């Protein structure tokens, strides 16, 4: 299941990066707007047993960096899992 999760995370993250990059204007600024036409940044949510904590107005540039780092980490995890599978198959 871990391998599937890694691939899924990579796929979803790449979609998010694609959407962020499509939102760049001619000046190189992100223009992502909500249903009301407002551009306020993104949200970061950490779930907890009590409902979680959320911060808003996370800068788009920071979000892009986080997503790209997440993809990098998922690729590393896939490589680790490949090695585990090789050992288990012996």
Protein backbone atom coordinates (compact mmCIF):
# COMPACT_ATOMS: atom_id res chain seq x y z
CA UNK A 1 0.00 0.00 0.00
CA UNK A 2 2.90 2.38 0.68
CA UNK A 3 4.04 2.23 -2.94
CA UNK A 4 0.55 3.12 -4.13
CA UNK A 5 0.40 6.04 -1.68
CA UNK A 6 3.73 7.41 -2.90
CA UNK A 7 2.65 7.29 -6.52
CA UNK A 8 -0.69 8.88 -5.67
CA UNK A 9 0.97 11.69 -3.70
CA UNK A 10 3.39 12.35 -6.57
CA UNK A 11 0.56 12.42 -9.10
CA UNK A 12 -1.61 14.78 -7.03
CA UNK A 13 1.32 17.04 -6.17
CA UNK A 14 2.32 17.29 -9.84
CA UNK A 15 -1.25 18.30 -10.69
CA UNK A 16 -1.08 21.00 -8.02
CA UNK A 17 2.25 22.29 -9.36
CA UNK A 18 0.77 22.36 -12.86
CA UNK A 19 -2.20 24.39 -11.64
CA UNK A 20 0.08 26.80 -9.78
CA UNK A 21 2.29 27.28 -12.83
CA UNK A 22 -0.72 27.85 -15.09
CA UNK A 23 -1.76 30.67 -12.76
CA UNK A 24 1.40 32.68 -13.36
CA UNK A 25 0.74 36.03 -15.02
CA UNK A 26 3.05 37.86 -17.42
CA UNK A 27 4.94 39.42 -14.47
CA UNK A 28 5.61 35.99 -12.96
CA UNK A 29 3.15 36.47 -10.10
CA UNK A 30 0.61 33.83 -9.14
CA UNK A 31 -3.02 34.71 -9.82
CA UNK A 32 -5.14 32.07 -8.15
CA UNK A 33 -8.58 33.30 -7.28
CA UNK A 34 -11.40 31.77 -5.27
CA UNK A 35 -15.05 31.67 -6.38
CA UNK A 36 -15.47 35.32 -5.39
CA UNK A 37 -12.43 36.53 -7.32
CA UNK A 38 -10.21 36.98 -4.28
CA UNK A 39 -6.56 35.97 -4.21
CA UNK A 40 -5.47 35.39 -0.63
CA UNK A 41 -2.89 32.64 -0.77
CA UNK A 42 -3.34 29.02 0.15
CA UNK A 43 -4.22 27.16 3.35
CA UNK A 44 -2.15 24.72 5.35
CA UNK A 45 -4.08 22.34 7.61
CA UNK A 46 -2.76 19.97 10.27
CA UNK A 47 -5.42 17.50 11.44
CA UNK A 48 -5.65 16.59 15.11
CA UNK A 49 -8.09 14.57 17.14
CA UNK A 50 -9.92 17.76 18.08
CA UNK A 51 -10.38 18.99 14.45
CA UNK A 52 -7.02 20.45 13.55
CA UNK A 53 -5.28 23.72 13.02
CA UNK A 54 -5.27 25.81 9.86
CA UNK A 55 -3.24 28.76 8.72
CA UNK A 56 -4.42 30.87 5.82
CA UNK A 57 -2.78 33.19 3.33
CA UNK A 58 0.23 30.90 2.85
CA UNK A 59 2.19 32.53 0.00
CA UNK A 60 1.91 30.68 -3.31
CA UNK A 61 5.70 30.61 -3.69
CA UNK A 62 6.10 28.89 -0.33
CA UNK A 63 3.38 26.39 -1.19
CA UNK A 64 5.13 25.56 -4.46
CA UNK A 65 8.39 24.94 -2.60
CA UNK A 66 6.62 22.67 -0.08
CA UNK A 67 4.89 20.67 -2.82
CA UNK A 68 8.12 20.21 -4.79
CA UNK A 69 9.95 19.05 -1.65
CA UNK A 70 7.11 16.62 -0.92
CA UNK A 71 7.46 15.11 -4.41
CA UNK A 72 11.21 14.75 -3.86
CA UNK A 73 10.60 12.97 -0.54
CA UNK A 74 8.05 10.63 -2.12
CA UNK A 75 10.57 9.63 -4.80
CA UNK A 76 13.11 8.89 -2.07
CA UNK A 77 10.54 6.78 -0.24
CA UNK A 78 9.81 4.83 -3.43
CA UNK A 79 13.51 4.05 -3.79
CA UNK A 80 13.63 2.88 -0.17
CA UNK A 81 10.59 0.68 -0.71
CA UNK A 82 12.17 -0.84 -3.83
CA UNK A 83 15.15 -1.90 -1.74
CA UNK A 84 12.86 -3.39 0.91
CA UNK A 85 11.05 -5.37 -1.79
CA UNK A 86 14.32 -6.68 -3.20
CA UNK A 87 15.34 -7.94 0.24
CA UNK A 88 11.94 -9.52 0.86
CA UNK A 89 12.00 -11.32 -2.48
CA UNK A 90 15.32 -13.05 -1.77
